[in-house]
Amino acid sequence: MRTAKYFLTAVMTTCLVAGLYVFGAADDAKPKYEISEIMDMAHKAPKGKMSLLQLVVKGKASDEQKKQLLEYYEELAKNKPEKGDVKDWQKRTNVLIKAAKDAANGKEGAAQELQKAANCKGCHQAHKG
């Protein structure tokens, strides 16, 4: 009887931990920021200043700013586009993420790749509602 009690307690504990993990994983997939917020924080700047993207592209960003841009693009990929093909959205955001990682790591030519990947017009035509 006592063994069955311990077994039941172990099974219930395992189920509880598994359930918490599933809810935590679902929460990780939810984006921290909406697309419009990311665009404002990463691509817009006050008059006379450079955007976060431009700071990184021009090599004037701090390590923290490079990490921040990468985080924004990672969160961008978690969002669903307003219109267009989701696979194209994932392809575009993955290219942005890779370019931002390369720029953050100081890879040669990464700034140009990041500028190319951040093709506003192409993305807006395909995905902005």
N, C-alpha and C. Protein backbone atom coordinates (compact mmCIF):
# COMPACT_ATOMS: atom_id res chain seq x y z
N MET A 1 0.83 -1.19 0.00
CA MET A 1 0.00 0.00 0.00
C MET A 1 0.87 1.25 0.00
N ARG A 2 1.90 1.21 0.82
CA ARG A 2 2.77 2.37 0.94
C ARG A 2 3.51 2.61 -0.39
N THR A 3 3.93 1.56 -1.05
CA THR A 3 4.63 1.66 -2.33
C THR A 3 3.71 2.28 -3.38
N ALA A 4 2.47 1.88 -3.40
CA ALA A 4 1.50 2.44 -4.35
C ALA A 4 1.32 3.93 -4.11
N LYS A 5 1.32 4.34 -2.88
CA LYS A 5 1.17 5.75 -2.52
C LYS A 5 2.36 6.57 -3.05
N TYR A 6 3.57 6.04 -2.86
CA TYR A 6 4.77 6.73 -3.35
C TYR A 6 4.79 6.78 -4.88
N PHE A 7 4.35 5.67 -5.49
CA PHE A 7 4.30 5.62 -6.95
C PHE A 7 3.31 6.66 -7.49
N LEU A 8 2.15 6.72 -6.89
CA LEU A 8 1.13 7.68 -7.31
C LEU A 8 1.64 9.12 -7.13
N THR A 9 2.31 9.40 -6.04
CA THR A 9 2.88 10.72 -5.79
C THR A 9 3.93 11.05 -6.85
N ALA A 10 4.76 10.10 -7.20
CA ALA A 10 5.79 10.32 -8.23
C ALA A 10 5.16 10.60 -9.59
N VAL A 11 4.13 9.84 -9.93
CA VAL A 11 3.44 10.04 -11.21
C VAL A 11 2.79 11.43 -11.25
N MET A 12 2.14 11.81 -10.18
CA MET A 12 1.48 13.12 -10.14
C MET A 12 2.50 14.25 -10.24
N THR A 13 3.61 14.11 -9.57
CA THR A 13 4.67 15.12 -9.63
C THR A 13 5.22 15.23 -11.04
N THR A 14 5.45 14.10 -11.68
CA THR A 14 5.96 14.10 -13.05
C THR A 14 4.97 14.79 -13.98
N CYS A 15 3.70 14.50 -13.83
CA CYS A 15 2.66 15.15 -14.66
C CYS A 15 2.63 16.65 -14.43
N LEU A 16 2.76 17.07 -13.20
CA LEU A 16 2.76 18.49 -12.88
C LEU A 16 3.94 19.19 -13.53
N VAL A 17 5.12 18.61 -13.42
CA VAL A 17 6.32 19.20 -14.02
C VAL A 17 6.17 19.26 -15.54
N ALA A 18 5.68 18.19 -16.15
CA ALA A 18 5.49 18.16 -17.60
C ALA A 18 4.48 19.22 -18.03
N GLY A 19 3.41 19.36 -17.28
CA GLY A 19 2.41 20.38 -17.60
C GLY A 19 2.97 21.79 -17.52
N LEU A 20 3.74 22.05 -16.50
CA LEU A 20 4.36 23.37 -16.36
C LEU A 20 5.33 23.64 -17.51
N TYR A 21 6.05 22.62 -17.94
CA TYR A 21 6.98 22.76 -19.05
C TYR A 21 6.22 23.11 -20.33
N VAL A 22 5.11 22.42 -20.59
CA VAL A 22 4.32 22.68 -21.79
C VAL A 22 3.80 24.11 -21.79
N PHE A 23 3.28 24.58 -20.67
CA PHE A 23 2.80 25.96 -20.59
C PHE A 23 3.94 26.95 -20.75
N GLY A 24 5.09 26.66 -20.20
CA GLY A 24 6.25 27.54 -20.35
C GLY A 24 6.73 27.60 -21.78
N ALA A 25 6.74 26.47 -22.47
CA ALA A 25 7.17 26.43 -23.87
C ALA A 25 6.20 27.21 -24.74
N ALA A 26 4.92 27.12 -24.46
CA ALA A 26 3.93 27.87 -25.23
C ALA A 26 4.12 29.37 -25.02
N ASP A 27 4.47 29.76 -23.80
CA ASP A 27 4.69 31.17 -23.51
C ASP A 27 5.93 31.70 -24.22
N ASP A 28 6.97 30.85 -24.37
CA ASP A 28 8.18 31.26 -25.07
C ASP A 28 7.91 31.54 -26.53
N ALA A 29 6.95 30.85 -27.13
CA ALA A 29 6.64 31.03 -28.54
C ALA A 29 5.86 32.32 -28.78
N LYS A 30 5.23 32.86 -27.76
CA LYS A 30 4.47 34.09 -27.90
C LYS A 30 5.45 35.27 -27.96
N PRO A 31 5.31 36.13 -28.98
CA PRO A 31 6.25 37.25 -29.11
C PRO A 31 6.10 38.28 -27.99
N LYS A 32 7.23 38.85 -27.60
CA LYS A 32 7.23 39.91 -26.58
C LYS A 32 6.67 41.21 -27.16
N TYR A 33 6.92 41.41 -28.45
CA TYR A 33 6.55 42.66 -29.12
C TYR A 33 5.75 42.37 -30.38
N GLU A 34 4.86 43.29 -30.72
CA GLU A 34 4.13 43.21 -31.97
C GLU A 34 5.02 43.73 -33.10
N ILE A 35 4.67 43.42 -34.32
CA ILE A 35 5.47 43.83 -35.48
C ILE A 35 5.66 45.34 -35.49
N SER A 36 4.60 46.08 -35.28
CA SER A 36 4.69 47.55 -35.33
C SER A 36 5.63 48.10 -34.26
N GLU A 37 5.63 47.49 -33.08
CA GLU A 37 6.54 47.91 -32.01
C GLU A 37 7.99 47.66 -32.42
N ILE A 38 8.24 46.51 -33.00
CA ILE A 38 9.61 46.18 -33.42
C ILE A 38 10.07 47.13 -34.50
N MET A 39 9.21 47.43 -35.45
CA MET A 39 9.58 48.36 -36.52
C MET A 39 9.93 49.73 -35.95
N ASP A 40 9.13 50.19 -35.00
CA ASP A 40 9.41 51.48 -34.37
C ASP A 40 10.73 51.47 -33.61
N MET A 41 10.96 50.42 -32.82
CA MET A 41 12.16 50.38 -31.97
C MET A 41 13.43 50.12 -32.78
N ALA A 42 13.33 49.36 -33.85
CA ALA A 42 14.52 48.98 -34.61
C ALA A 42 14.79 49.87 -35.81
N HIS A 43 13.74 50.38 -36.44
CA HIS A 43 13.93 51.05 -37.72
C HIS A 43 13.61 52.54 -37.73
N LYS A 44 13.02 53.04 -36.68
CA LYS A 44 12.70 54.48 -36.63
C LYS A 44 13.60 55.15 -35.60
N ALA A 45 13.86 56.42 -35.86
CA ALA A 45 14.70 57.19 -34.93
C ALA A 45 14.20 58.62 -34.88
N PRO A 46 14.49 59.31 -33.78
CA PRO A 46 14.13 60.73 -33.72
C PRO A 46 14.87 61.49 -34.82
N LYS A 47 14.30 62.59 -35.23
CA LYS A 47 14.89 63.40 -36.29
C LYS A 47 16.34 63.75 -35.94
N GLY A 48 17.22 63.54 -36.90
CA GLY A 48 18.63 63.86 -36.70
C GLY A 48 19.45 62.75 -36.06
N LYS A 49 18.81 61.64 -35.74
CA LYS A 49 19.53 60.51 -35.12
C LYS A 49 19.39 59.29 -36.02
N MET A 50 20.25 58.30 -35.77
CA MET A 50 20.19 57.06 -36.54
C MET A 50 19.33 56.04 -35.81
N SER A 51 18.65 55.22 -36.60
CA SER A 51 17.87 54.11 -36.02
C SER A 51 18.84 53.06 -35.50
N LEU A 52 18.31 52.15 -34.72
CA LEU A 52 19.12 51.06 -34.20
C LEU A 52 19.73 50.25 -35.35
N LEU A 53 18.94 49.98 -36.36
CA LEU A 53 19.44 49.26 -37.53
C LEU A 53 20.60 50.02 -38.17
N GLN A 54 20.44 51.31 -38.37
CA GLN A 54 21.50 52.09 -39.02
C GLN A 54 22.76 52.18 -38.16
N LEU A 55 22.59 52.24 -36.85
CA LEU A 55 23.76 52.23 -35.96
C LEU A 55 24.57 50.95 -36.15
N VAL A 56 23.86 49.83 -36.24
CA VAL A 56 24.54 48.55 -36.43
C VAL A 56 25.17 48.49 -37.82
N VAL A 57 24.44 48.88 -38.84
CA VAL A 57 24.95 48.83 -40.21
C VAL A 57 26.18 49.72 -40.38
N LYS A 58 26.15 50.87 -39.76
CA LYS A 58 27.27 51.83 -39.91
C LYS A 58 28.43 51.54 -38.95
N GLY A 59 28.28 50.52 -38.10
CA GLY A 59 29.35 50.15 -37.19
C GLY A 59 29.48 51.07 -35.99
N LYS A 60 28.41 51.77 -35.64
CA LYS A 60 28.44 52.70 -34.52
C LYS A 60 27.67 52.20 -33.31
N ALA A 61 27.17 50.99 -33.39
CA ALA A 61 26.37 50.43 -32.30
C ALA A 61 27.26 49.78 -31.25
N SER A 62 26.82 49.88 -30.01
CA SER A 62 27.51 49.17 -28.92
C SER A 62 27.14 47.69 -28.99
N ASP A 63 27.85 46.88 -28.24
CA ASP A 63 27.53 45.45 -28.20
C ASP A 63 26.10 45.24 -27.70
N GLU A 64 25.69 46.04 -26.74
CA GLU A 64 24.34 45.94 -26.20
C GLU A 64 23.30 46.29 -27.27
N GLN A 65 23.56 47.31 -28.06
CA GLN A 65 22.62 47.68 -29.13
C GLN A 65 22.54 46.59 -30.20
N LYS A 66 23.65 45.95 -30.50
CA LYS A 66 23.65 44.85 -31.47
C LYS A 66 22.81 43.69 -30.94
N LYS A 67 22.96 43.37 -29.66
CA LYS A 67 22.17 42.30 -29.05
C LYS A 67 20.69 42.66 -29.05
N GLN A 68 20.40 43.93 -28.81
CA GLN A 68 19.00 44.38 -28.78
C GLN A 68 18.36 44.22 -30.16
N LEU A 69 19.08 44.61 -31.21
CA LEU A 69 18.54 44.46 -32.56
C LEU A 69 18.29 42.99 -32.87
N LEU A 70 19.22 42.13 -32.49
CA LEU A 70 19.05 40.70 -32.69
C LEU A 70 17.80 40.20 -31.96
N GLU A 71 17.60 40.63 -30.74
CA GLU A 71 16.42 40.22 -29.98
C GLU A 71 15.14 40.68 -30.69
N TYR A 72 15.13 41.91 -31.19
CA TYR A 72 13.94 42.39 -31.90
C TYR A 72 13.63 41.51 -33.10
N TYR A 73 14.65 41.14 -33.86
CA TYR A 73 14.42 40.32 -35.04
C TYR A 73 14.00 38.90 -34.66
N GLU A 74 14.51 38.38 -33.57
CA GLU A 74 14.07 37.06 -33.11
C GLU A 74 12.60 37.11 -32.70
N GLU A 75 12.20 38.19 -32.06
CA GLU A 75 10.80 38.36 -31.68
C GLU A 75 9.92 38.60 -32.91
N LEU A 76 10.45 39.29 -33.91
CA LEU A 76 9.73 39.53 -35.16
C LEU A 76 9.34 38.20 -35.80
N ALA A 77 10.25 37.24 -35.78
CA ALA A 77 10.00 35.93 -36.39
C ALA A 77 8.88 35.17 -35.68
N LYS A 78 8.61 35.48 -34.43
CA LYS A 78 7.55 34.80 -33.68
C LYS A 78 6.17 35.33 -34.05
N ASN A 79 6.12 36.50 -34.66
CA ASN A 79 4.86 37.10 -35.06
C ASN A 79 4.33 36.47 -36.34
N LYS A 80 3.05 36.64 -36.58
CA LYS A 80 2.42 36.21 -37.83
C LYS A 80 2.26 37.45 -38.70
N PRO A 81 2.57 37.35 -40.00
CA PRO A 81 2.42 38.51 -40.87
C PRO A 81 0.94 38.87 -41.06
N GLU A 82 0.70 40.15 -41.35
CA GLU A 82 -0.68 40.60 -41.57
C GLU A 82 -1.27 39.97 -42.83
N LYS A 83 -0.42 39.74 -43.82
CA LYS A 83 -0.87 39.09 -45.05
C LYS A 83 0.32 38.35 -45.65
N GLY A 84 0.05 37.58 -46.68
CA GLY A 84 1.12 36.89 -47.39
C GLY A 84 1.44 35.53 -46.82
N ASP A 85 2.40 34.89 -47.46
CA ASP A 85 2.81 33.53 -47.15
C ASP A 85 3.66 33.48 -45.89
N VAL A 86 3.28 32.62 -44.96
CA VAL A 86 4.00 32.48 -43.69
C VAL A 86 5.41 31.94 -43.92
N LYS A 87 5.57 31.04 -44.89
CA LYS A 87 6.90 30.51 -45.19
C LYS A 87 7.84 31.61 -45.69
N ASP A 88 7.32 32.51 -46.50
CA ASP A 88 8.14 33.64 -46.96
C ASP A 88 8.51 34.53 -45.79
N TRP A 89 7.55 34.74 -44.88
CA TRP A 89 7.81 35.53 -43.67
C TRP A 89 8.95 34.92 -42.86
N GLN A 90 8.87 33.62 -42.65
CA GLN A 90 9.91 32.93 -41.88
C GLN A 90 11.26 33.02 -42.59
N LYS A 91 11.25 32.88 -43.89
CA LYS A 91 12.51 32.98 -44.65
C LYS A 91 13.12 34.36 -44.48
N ARG A 92 12.30 35.39 -44.64
CA ARG A 92 12.80 36.77 -44.51
C ARG A 92 13.30 37.07 -43.09
N THR A 93 12.55 36.65 -42.09
CA THR A 93 12.97 36.94 -40.72
C THR A 93 14.20 36.12 -40.34
N ASN A 94 14.32 34.90 -40.84
CA ASN A 94 15.52 34.10 -40.56
C ASN A 94 16.77 34.72 -41.18
N VAL A 95 16.62 35.31 -42.37
CA VAL A 95 17.75 36.01 -42.99
C VAL A 95 18.14 37.22 -42.14
N LEU A 96 17.15 37.94 -41.63
CA LEU A 96 17.42 39.09 -40.75
C LEU A 96 18.15 38.64 -39.48
N ILE A 97 17.67 37.56 -38.89
CA ILE A 97 18.28 37.05 -37.66
C ILE A 97 19.73 36.65 -37.90
N LYS A 98 19.98 35.92 -38.97
CA LYS A 98 21.34 35.49 -39.28
C LYS A 98 22.25 36.69 -39.50
N ALA A 99 21.78 37.67 -40.25
CA ALA A 99 22.58 38.86 -40.52
C ALA A 99 22.85 39.65 -39.24
N ALA A 100 21.84 39.75 -38.37
CA ALA A 100 22.02 40.46 -37.10
C ALA A 100 23.00 39.72 -36.19
N LYS A 101 22.94 38.38 -36.17
CA LYS A 101 23.90 37.59 -35.39
C LYS A 101 25.32 37.80 -35.91
N ASP A 102 25.46 37.75 -37.23
CA ASP A 102 26.78 37.94 -37.83
C ASP A 102 27.32 39.33 -37.52
N ALA A 103 26.46 40.34 -37.58
CA ALA A 103 26.88 41.71 -37.27
C ALA A 103 27.27 41.82 -35.80
N ALA A 104 26.51 41.19 -34.93
CA ALA A 104 26.81 41.23 -33.49
C ALA A 104 28.14 40.54 -33.19
N ASN A 105 28.49 39.55 -33.99
CA ASN A 105 29.74 38.82 -33.80
C ASN A 105 30.91 39.42 -34.58
N GLY A 106 30.65 40.53 -35.27
CA GLY A 106 31.72 41.23 -35.98
C GLY A 106 32.18 40.54 -37.25
N LYS A 107 31.34 39.71 -37.84
CA LYS A 107 31.70 39.02 -39.07
C LYS A 107 31.86 40.02 -40.21
N GLU A 108 32.90 39.85 -40.98
CA GLU A 108 33.17 40.77 -42.09
C GLU A 108 32.05 40.68 -43.13
N GLY A 109 31.59 41.82 -43.58
CA GLY A 109 30.53 41.89 -44.58
C GLY A 109 29.14 41.75 -44.01
N ALA A 110 29.02 41.55 -42.71
CA ALA A 110 27.70 41.34 -42.10
C ALA A 110 26.84 42.60 -42.16
N ALA A 111 27.45 43.75 -42.04
CA ALA A 111 26.67 45.00 -42.07
C ALA A 111 25.96 45.16 -43.41
N GLN A 112 26.66 44.84 -44.49
CA GLN A 112 26.05 44.95 -45.82
C GLN A 112 24.93 43.91 -45.98
N GLU A 113 25.14 42.71 -45.45
CA GLU A 113 24.11 41.68 -45.51
C GLU A 113 22.88 42.08 -44.70
N LEU A 114 23.13 42.72 -43.55
CA LEU A 114 22.03 43.18 -42.72
C LEU A 114 21.23 44.26 -43.43
N GLN A 115 21.93 45.20 -44.06
CA GLN A 115 21.25 46.26 -44.81
C GLN A 115 20.41 45.66 -45.93
N LYS A 116 20.95 44.69 -46.61
CA LYS A 116 20.24 44.03 -47.71
C LYS A 116 19.03 43.25 -47.18
N ALA A 117 19.20 42.56 -46.06
CA ALA A 117 18.12 41.75 -45.48
C ALA A 117 16.97 42.62 -44.97
N ALA A 118 17.28 43.82 -44.53
CA ALA A 118 16.27 44.73 -43.99
C ALA A 118 15.63 45.52 -45.14
N ASN A 119 15.11 44.81 -46.10
CA ASN A 119 14.48 45.39 -47.29
C ASN A 119 13.04 45.76 -46.94
N CYS A 120 12.84 46.97 -46.49
CA CYS A 120 11.52 47.40 -46.02
C CYS A 120 10.45 47.26 -47.10
N LYS A 121 10.73 47.79 -48.27
CA LYS A 121 9.72 47.80 -49.34
C LYS A 121 9.31 46.38 -49.72
N GLY A 122 10.28 45.50 -49.90
CA GLY A 122 9.96 44.13 -50.30
C GLY A 122 9.11 43.42 -49.25
N CYS A 123 9.46 43.59 -48.00
CA CYS A 123 8.72 42.94 -46.92
C CYS A 123 7.33 43.56 -46.77
N HIS A 124 7.26 44.87 -46.83
CA HIS A 124 5.95 45.53 -46.68
C HIS A 124 5.00 45.14 -47.81
N GLN A 125 5.51 45.07 -49.05
CA GLN A 125 4.64 44.67 -50.17
C GLN A 125 4.09 43.27 -49.99
N ALA A 126 4.94 42.39 -49.45
CA ALA A 126 4.52 41.00 -49.30
C ALA A 126 3.67 40.74 -48.06
N HIS A 127 3.91 41.52 -46.98
CA HIS A 127 3.32 41.12 -45.70
C HIS A 127 2.55 42.20 -44.94
N LYS A 128 2.66 43.44 -45.28
CA LYS A 128 1.95 44.47 -44.51
C LYS A 128 0.53 44.61 -45.04
N GLY A 129 -0.43 44.62 -44.11
CA GLY A 129 -1.84 44.69 -44.48
C GLY A 129 -2.27 46.05 -44.96
